[in-house]
Protein backbone atom coordinates (compact mmCIF):
# COMPACT_ATOMS: atom_id res chain seq x y z
CA MET A 1 16.68 -66.39 31.24
CA LEU A 2 13.76 -65.41 33.45
CA SER A 3 11.87 -63.69 30.64
CA ALA A 4 12.53 -66.70 28.39
CA ILE A 5 10.74 -69.10 30.75
CA GLY A 6 7.23 -67.82 29.98
CA PRO A 7 7.43 -68.10 26.18
CA SER A 8 9.25 -71.46 26.59
CA LEU A 9 6.49 -73.01 28.71
CA PRO A 10 4.86 -74.93 25.81
CA GLY A 11 8.21 -76.49 24.88
CA LEU A 12 9.06 -77.28 28.50
CA ALA A 13 5.60 -78.80 29.00
CA ALA A 14 6.09 -81.06 25.97
CA GLN A 15 9.55 -82.00 27.30
CA VAL A 16 8.03 -83.42 30.51
CA GLY A 17 4.66 -84.50 29.07
CA ARG A 18 2.48 -82.09 31.09
CA GLU A 19 -0.14 -79.44 30.41
CA VAL A 20 1.36 -75.98 30.04
CA THR A 21 -0.71 -74.57 32.93
CA ASP A 22 0.83 -77.20 35.25
CA LEU A 23 4.22 -75.55 34.88
CA GLY A 24 3.24 -72.61 37.07
CA ALA A 25 4.99 -74.66 39.78
CA VAL A 26 8.30 -73.74 38.11
CA PHE A 27 7.78 -70.10 39.13
CA THR A 28 6.86 -71.23 42.63
CA ALA A 29 10.03 -73.35 42.96
CA PHE A 30 12.20 -70.50 41.69
CA SER A 31 10.68 -68.09 44.17
CA LEU A 32 11.00 -70.60 47.01
CA GLY A 33 14.73 -70.77 46.34
CA GLY A 34 14.88 -66.98 46.46
CA VAL A 35 13.00 -66.92 49.76
CA LEU A 36 15.39 -69.45 51.32
CA ALA A 37 18.38 -67.39 50.17
CA SER A 38 16.88 -64.19 51.55
CA VAL A 39 16.55 -65.66 55.06
CA GLY A 40 20.30 -65.51 55.61
CA VAL A 41 21.53 -63.15 52.92
CA GLY A 42 21.80 -60.15 55.25
CA SER A 43 24.02 -62.05 57.68
CA ALA A 44 26.05 -63.60 54.84
CA ILE A 45 26.79 -60.18 53.34
CA GLN A 46 27.66 -58.80 56.76
CA ARG A 47 30.07 -61.68 57.45
CA TRP A 48 31.69 -62.38 54.06
CA GLY A 49 30.91 -59.31 51.98
CA MET A 50 28.94 -58.79 48.78
CA ARG A 51 31.47 -60.22 46.30
CA PRO A 52 31.27 -63.91 47.39
CA VAL A 53 27.50 -63.71 47.66
CA ILE A 54 27.17 -62.38 44.10
CA ALA A 55 29.68 -64.87 42.62
CA ILE A 56 28.21 -67.94 44.32
CA GLY A 57 24.74 -66.76 43.37
CA ALA A 58 25.75 -66.57 39.71
CA ALA A 59 27.15 -70.13 39.81
CA LEU A 60 24.01 -71.54 41.43
CA MET A 61 21.67 -69.70 39.09
CA GLY A 62 23.52 -70.80 35.96
CA GLY A 63 23.67 -74.43 37.07
CA GLY A 64 20.06 -74.47 38.18
CA MET A 65 18.79 -73.03 34.92
CA LEU A 66 20.71 -75.65 32.95
CA ALA A 67 18.94 -78.33 34.99
CA LEU A 68 15.60 -76.63 34.40
CA GLY A 69 16.16 -76.43 30.64
CA PHE A 70 17.39 -80.00 30.15
CA SER A 71 15.40 -82.08 32.65
CA PRO A 72 13.04 -84.66 31.10
CA VAL A 73 10.93 -84.85 34.28
CA LEU A 74 8.99 -82.17 36.15
CA ILE A 75 10.69 -82.83 39.49
CA GLY A 76 14.09 -82.16 37.89
CA MET A 77 12.79 -78.88 36.50
CA LEU A 78 11.49 -77.88 39.92
CA LEU A 79 14.79 -78.72 41.65
CA GLY A 80 16.69 -76.77 39.02
CA ALA A 81 14.34 -73.82 39.38
CA GLY A 82 14.77 -73.87 43.16
CA MET A 83 18.56 -73.91 42.85
CA ALA A 84 18.45 -71.05 40.33
CA GLY A 85 16.15 -69.05 42.59
CA PHE A 86 18.52 -69.52 45.53
CA GLY A 87 21.38 -68.13 43.46
CA TYR A 88 19.24 -65.28 42.17
CA GLY A 89 18.33 -64.31 45.73
CA GLY A 90 22.00 -63.84 46.57
CA MET A 91 22.69 -61.79 43.45
CA LEU A 92 19.55 -59.72 43.99
CA ALA A 93 20.50 -58.60 47.49
CA GLY A 94 24.25 -58.39 46.91
CA GLY A 95 24.06 -56.45 43.66
CA ASN A 96 21.44 -53.94 44.76
CA LEU A 97 23.12 -53.33 48.13
CA LEU A 98 26.48 -52.87 46.40
CA ILE A 99 25.12 -50.13 44.11
CA ALA A 100 23.03 -48.54 46.88
CA ARG A 101 26.16 -48.12 49.03
CA LEU A 102 28.41 -47.02 46.19
CA TYR A 103 25.95 -44.29 45.17
CA HIS A 104 24.67 -43.42 48.65
CA GLY A 105 21.07 -44.46 48.05
CA ALA A 106 20.43 -42.67 44.75
CA ALA A 107 17.22 -43.93 43.15
CA GLY A 108 18.64 -43.18 39.69
CA ALA A 109 21.64 -45.45 40.28
CA LEU A 110 19.46 -48.41 41.33
CA ASN A 111 17.23 -47.89 38.30
CA ALA A 112 20.36 -47.81 36.12
CA LEU A 113 21.51 -51.12 37.64
CA ASN A 114 18.15 -52.76 37.03
CA LEU A 115 18.09 -51.38 33.50
CA PHE A 116 20.50 -54.21 32.61
CA PHE A 117 17.94 -56.72 33.89
CA SER A 118 15.37 -55.09 31.64
CA VAL A 119 17.59 -55.27 28.55
CA GLY A 120 18.11 -58.98 29.15
CA SER A 121 14.38 -59.38 29.63
CA ILE A 122 13.75 -58.00 26.15
CA GLY A 123 16.30 -60.38 24.67
CA GLY A 124 14.83 -63.48 26.30
CA PRO A 125 11.54 -63.67 24.35
CA LEU A 126 13.33 -62.55 21.16
CA LEU A 127 15.79 -65.41 21.58
CA VAL A 128 12.89 -67.81 22.20
CA ALA A 129 11.28 -66.71 18.93
CA LEU A 130 14.62 -67.24 17.15
CA MET A 131 15.08 -70.72 18.66
CA LEU A 132 11.53 -71.65 17.64
CA THR A 133 12.40 -70.71 14.08
CA LEU A 134 15.84 -72.35 13.98
CA VAL A 135 15.54 -75.52 16.05
CA ASP A 136 11.89 -75.60 17.20
CA ARG A 137 13.14 -75.76 20.81
CA PRO A 138 12.22 -72.57 22.71
CA GLN A 139 14.04 -73.79 25.84
CA ALA A 140 17.34 -73.47 23.94
CA ALA A 141 17.17 -69.79 24.94
CA ILE A 142 17.39 -70.89 28.58
CA TRP A 143 20.41 -73.07 27.84
CA ILE A 144 22.24 -70.15 26.22
CA GLY A 145 21.44 -67.82 29.11
CA ALA A 146 22.63 -70.35 31.68
CA LEU A 147 25.99 -70.78 29.95
CA LEU A 148 26.46 -67.01 29.81
CA MET A 149 25.69 -66.78 33.53
CA LEU A 150 28.29 -69.42 34.36
CA ALA A 151 30.84 -67.50 32.28
CA LEU A 152 30.27 -64.49 34.57
CA VAL A 153 31.16 -66.29 37.79
CA TRP A 154 34.90 -65.55 37.60
CA PRO A 155 34.45 -61.83 36.79
CA ALA A 156 32.11 -61.59 39.78
CA THR A 157 34.91 -62.80 42.06
CA GLN A 158 36.99 -59.79 40.97
CA LEU A 159 34.47 -57.14 42.10
CA ARG A 160 35.71 -54.58 44.59
CA GLU A 161 33.64 -53.78 47.65
CA PRO A 162 32.83 -50.13 48.48
CA THR A 163 35.38 -48.64 50.86
CA GLN A 164 33.40 -45.60 52.02
CA ALA A 165 31.00 -45.79 54.94
CA PRO A 166 27.28 -46.31 54.20
CA SER A 167 25.12 -43.19 54.01
CA ALA A 168 23.40 -41.98 57.19
CA GLN A 169 20.08 -43.41 56.00
CA MET A 170 21.56 -46.89 55.61
CA ALA A 171 23.59 -46.75 58.81
CA GLY A 172 20.75 -45.75 61.13
CA PRO A 173 18.35 -47.85 63.20
CA PRO A 174 15.76 -49.99 61.41
CA ARG A 175 12.20 -48.73 60.81
CA TRP A 176 10.44 -52.05 61.14
CA LEU A 177 6.94 -50.99 60.04
CA ALA A 178 8.28 -49.45 56.85
CA ALA A 179 10.61 -52.41 56.22
CA VAL A 180 7.80 -54.95 56.55
CA MET A 181 5.39 -52.90 54.43
CA CYS A 182 8.02 -52.45 51.72
CA GLY A 183 8.66 -56.20 51.89
CA LEU A 184 4.97 -56.87 51.36
CA LEU A 185 4.90 -54.37 48.51
CA MET A 186 7.81 -56.19 46.89
CA PHE A 187 6.03 -59.51 47.56
CA THR A 188 3.02 -58.31 45.56
CA TYR A 189 5.07 -56.65 42.85
CA ILE A 190 7.43 -59.56 42.17
CA GLY A 191 4.51 -61.95 41.90
CA THR A 192 2.71 -59.56 39.57
CA GLU A 193 5.75 -58.89 37.37
CA ILE A 194 6.57 -62.59 37.04
CA GLY A 195 2.88 -63.28 36.43
CA ILE A 196 2.60 -60.72 33.64
CA GLY A 197 5.93 -61.60 32.07
CA GLY A 198 5.32 -65.33 32.34
CA TRP A 199 1.72 -65.46 31.13
CA ILE A 200 1.22 -62.43 28.87
CA ALA A 201 2.17 -64.46 25.78
CA LEU A 202 -0.54 -67.00 26.61
CA ILE A 203 -3.05 -64.21 27.35
CA LEU A 204 -2.36 -62.64 23.94
CA GLU A 205 -2.48 -66.04 22.22
CA ARG A 206 -5.78 -67.13 23.77
CA GLY A 207 -7.41 -63.72 24.13
CA GLY A 208 -6.25 -61.99 20.96
CA GLY A 209 -5.82 -65.09 18.77
CA LEU A 210 -2.15 -64.40 18.00
CA ALA A 211 0.19 -67.13 16.77
CA ALA A 212 2.66 -68.37 19.38
CA PRO A 213 5.81 -66.70 17.91
CA ILE A 214 3.98 -63.36 17.59
CA ALA A 215 2.56 -63.67 21.11
CA ALA A 216 6.13 -64.25 22.37
CA LEU A 217 7.05 -60.90 20.83
CA GLY A 218 4.20 -59.40 22.86
CA SER A 219 6.14 -60.51 25.92
CA SER A 220 9.15 -58.60 24.56
CA LEU A 221 6.93 -55.52 24.32
CA PHE A 222 6.23 -55.75 28.06
CA TRP A 223 9.92 -56.07 28.92
CA GLY A 224 10.86 -53.39 26.40
CA MET A 225 8.51 -50.86 27.96
CA LEU A 226 9.69 -51.93 31.42
CA THR A 227 13.19 -51.00 30.22
CA ALA A 228 11.93 -47.63 29.00
CA GLY A 229 10.38 -47.04 32.44
CA ARG A 230 13.70 -47.66 34.14
CA MET A 231 15.51 -45.40 31.69
CA ALA A 232 13.07 -42.62 32.55
CA ALA A 233 13.50 -43.30 36.28
CA ILE A 234 17.28 -42.79 36.01
CA PHE A 235 16.47 -39.13 35.32
CA TRP A 236 13.23 -38.68 37.26
CA GLY A 237 13.78 -40.97 40.24
CA ASP A 238 15.81 -38.55 42.33
CA ARG A 239 13.76 -35.55 41.22
CA LEU A 240 10.36 -36.96 42.11
CA GLY A 241 11.49 -38.90 45.18
CA ALA A 242 10.96 -42.60 45.79
CA LEU A 243 7.46 -42.36 47.25
CA ARG A 244 6.06 -40.11 44.52
CA MET A 245 7.67 -42.28 41.84
CA LEU A 246 6.08 -45.42 43.28
CA LEU A 247 2.67 -43.77 43.56
CA LEU A 248 2.74 -42.70 39.92
CA CYS A 249 3.87 -46.15 38.74
CA LEU A 250 1.25 -48.07 40.73
CA ILE A 251 -1.54 -45.89 39.34
CA GLY A 252 -0.19 -46.56 35.84
CA LEU A 253 0.01 -50.31 36.47
CA GLY A 254 -3.60 -50.45 37.66
CA SER A 255 -4.73 -48.40 34.66
CA GLY A 256 -2.89 -50.74 32.28
CA GLY A 257 -4.48 -53.78 33.90
CA LEU A 258 -7.93 -52.20 33.60
CA LEU A 259 -7.30 -51.44 29.93
CA LEU A 260 -6.33 -55.08 29.37
CA VAL A 261 -9.56 -56.21 31.05
CA ILE A 262 -11.51 -54.07 28.57
CA GLY A 263 -9.47 -54.98 25.49
CA VAL A 264 -8.22 -58.52 26.07
CA ASN A 265 -9.97 -59.69 22.89
CA GLN A 266 -8.83 -56.69 20.83
CA VAL A 267 -5.22 -57.06 19.76
CA ALA A 268 -4.39 -53.36 19.37
CA LEU A 269 -5.93 -52.36 22.70
CA ALA A 270 -4.33 -55.32 24.47
CA LEU A 271 -0.89 -54.34 23.16
CA VAL A 272 -1.38 -50.76 24.38
CA ALA A 273 -2.29 -52.17 27.80
CA VAL A 274 0.83 -54.39 27.81
CA ALA A 275 2.97 -51.35 26.94
CA LEU A 276 1.44 -49.24 29.75
CA MET A 277 1.89 -52.03 32.30
CA GLY A 278 5.53 -52.49 31.29
CA LEU A 279 6.28 -48.76 31.43
CA SER A 280 4.71 -48.51 34.88
CA CYS A 281 6.46 -51.61 36.22
CA GLY A 282 9.93 -50.37 35.30
CA PRO A 283 10.82 -48.25 38.35
CA ILE A 284 8.82 -50.20 40.97
CA PHE A 285 11.34 -52.89 41.90
CA PRO A 286 14.52 -50.76 42.15
CA THR A 287 12.68 -47.98 43.97
CA THR A 288 11.20 -50.45 46.46
CA MET A 289 14.67 -51.94 46.97
CA LEU A 290 15.92 -48.45 47.81
CA LEU A 291 13.17 -48.01 50.40
CA ILE A 292 14.00 -51.42 51.89
CA THR A 293 17.70 -50.59 52.27
CA GLN A 294 16.80 -47.24 53.84
CA SER A 295 14.17 -48.61 56.21
CA ALA A 296 16.39 -51.55 57.25
CA GLY A 297 19.22 -49.19 58.18
CA ARG A 298 22.22 -51.04 59.59
CA SER A 299 20.13 -54.04 60.70
CA ALA A 300 20.96 -57.26 58.83
CA ALA A 301 17.87 -58.82 60.40
CA ALA A 302 15.54 -56.12 59.05
CA LEU A 303 17.09 -56.44 55.58
CA SER A 304 16.67 -60.23 55.60
CA VAL A 305 13.09 -60.04 56.88
CA ALA A 306 12.06 -57.52 54.21
CA LEU A 307 13.77 -59.45 51.41
CA THR A 308 12.38 -62.79 52.62
CA ILE A 309 8.87 -61.38 52.56
CA GLY A 310 9.45 -59.69 49.20
CA THR A 311 10.90 -62.64 47.31
CA GLY A 312 8.01 -64.81 48.51
CA GLY A 313 5.69 -63.10 46.02
CA GLY A 314 6.78 -65.46 43.29
CA LEU A 315 5.67 -68.46 45.36
CA PHE A 316 1.96 -67.92 44.82
CA LEU A 317 0.96 -65.17 42.45
CA PRO A 318 2.52 -66.45 39.17
CA ALA A 319 0.95 -69.89 39.72
CA LEU A 320 -2.35 -68.17 40.57
CA PHE A 321 -2.16 -66.27 37.28
CA GLY A 322 -1.84 -69.56 35.41
CA GLN A 323 -4.66 -71.28 37.29
CA LEU A 324 -7.05 -68.35 36.85
CA ILE A 325 -6.30 -68.17 33.13
CA GLY A 326 -6.91 -71.92 32.85
CA TRP A 327 -10.19 -71.77 34.79
CA PHE A 328 -11.75 -68.48 33.73
CA GLY A 329 -9.92 -67.38 30.61
CA PRO A 330 -7.31 -64.70 29.85
CA VAL A 331 -9.33 -61.77 31.24
CA SER A 332 -8.92 -63.13 34.78
CA GLY A 333 -5.16 -62.52 34.59
CA ALA A 334 -5.81 -58.87 33.75
CA ILE A 335 -8.23 -58.53 36.66
CA LEU A 336 -5.57 -59.85 39.03
CA VAL A 337 -3.19 -57.10 37.87
CA VAL A 338 -5.76 -54.45 38.84
CA VAL A 339 -6.30 -56.03 42.26
CA ASP A 340 -2.55 -56.27 42.91
CA ALA A 341 -2.01 -52.62 41.98
CA GLY A 342 -4.67 -51.56 44.49
CA VAL A 343 -3.09 -53.66 47.23
CA MET A 344 0.33 -52.14 46.55
CA LEU A 345 -1.08 -48.62 46.78
CA LEU A 346 -2.40 -49.38 50.27
CA LEU A 347 0.92 -50.88 51.35
CA LEU A 348 2.78 -47.82 50.09
CA LEU A 349 0.61 -45.53 52.20
CA VAL A 350 1.34 -47.57 55.33
CA ALA A 351 5.06 -47.67 54.52
CA ARG A 352 5.07 -43.88 54.14
CA HIS A 353 3.53 -43.60 57.60
CA GLY A 354 6.32 -45.80 58.98
CA MET A 355 9.02 -43.60 57.46
CA LYS A 356 7.58 -40.13 58.00
CA ARG A 357 9.41 -39.49 61.27
CA VAL A 358 12.74 -39.71 59.48
CA PRO A 359 13.18 -36.28 57.83
CA ARG A 360 13.09 -36.46 54.02
CA ILE A 361 14.30 -40.07 53.93
CA ALA A 362 12.77 -40.84 50.56
CA GLU A 363 11.47 -37.51 49.30
CA ALA A 364 14.68 -35.48 49.22
CA PRO A 365 16.50 -35.33 45.86
CA VAL A 366 20.02 -36.74 45.85
CA GLY A 367 22.79 -34.61 44.37
């Protein structure tokens, strides 16, 4: 559903009678809902467990996305997006924490979990292209995704919580500097990922002159390579260590953004840049989530603070992508990717400093 929003923006804009660049507020509303959920998600998981948080999150996200896809007015879309983001925030924290505890903080396991997100992200733009061909309504892809999400609510209530104690890294005291820096890194990354995924079709359409259905497939290329990056991280994540993996990926993301700056008007070069950005993005989110759970330790407050900061990235950066593209053209979106990658590199260095007193917390291979 999330990857279908970007390619569906022209159809959603026509549905509410607005310019397509005005719909950047949808990403902001979604992220605001996620931020509000993150404020109390640590305490909610500690009090009620992960299963109710995941199940309720699925119900809210499915219902919110239906409202987003069907609303004839912009305010209805924004309310639906906010509701969906609130549900997503619960699933995000509950699901990642569940797998982190079951697999004792293995980076490969978290990348495997988020591989499913990536597979769905490939399918979203493909489904949009199909709906454009069949019914000329790209937002029908969002409707289908929302109904599937609602169908998963009952299975989510049947999940079993881990019975073993958390690993020593996740049961220790919080490392606040590292937690906050990782939260800021996630803030920048989430905004950048949503920005690329949401606007890359428009960048390819306006910069490379591609037709809308073909440009939507360019969005699938980004998510497809993101999936490939997570597949690779299942194997390499625990061997390289979280910090080295993040360093390599951030360098790759900045290089891909720079290549897009150079080749935004050249279709072949732009597609290579999209592929490199997607490949580099793949391991960043799950690996950062691992560092957050480790740096937060047993503190629900530290977990909530880091996640609240992190999910806030979608409040500003995706809308900024859209405004810059509208004001200065598609190359400005590529420049923003390069700037964001540089910022994340600096945050990673500070986070490493905050964690270095804990012996081999992120560098040691697991298993």
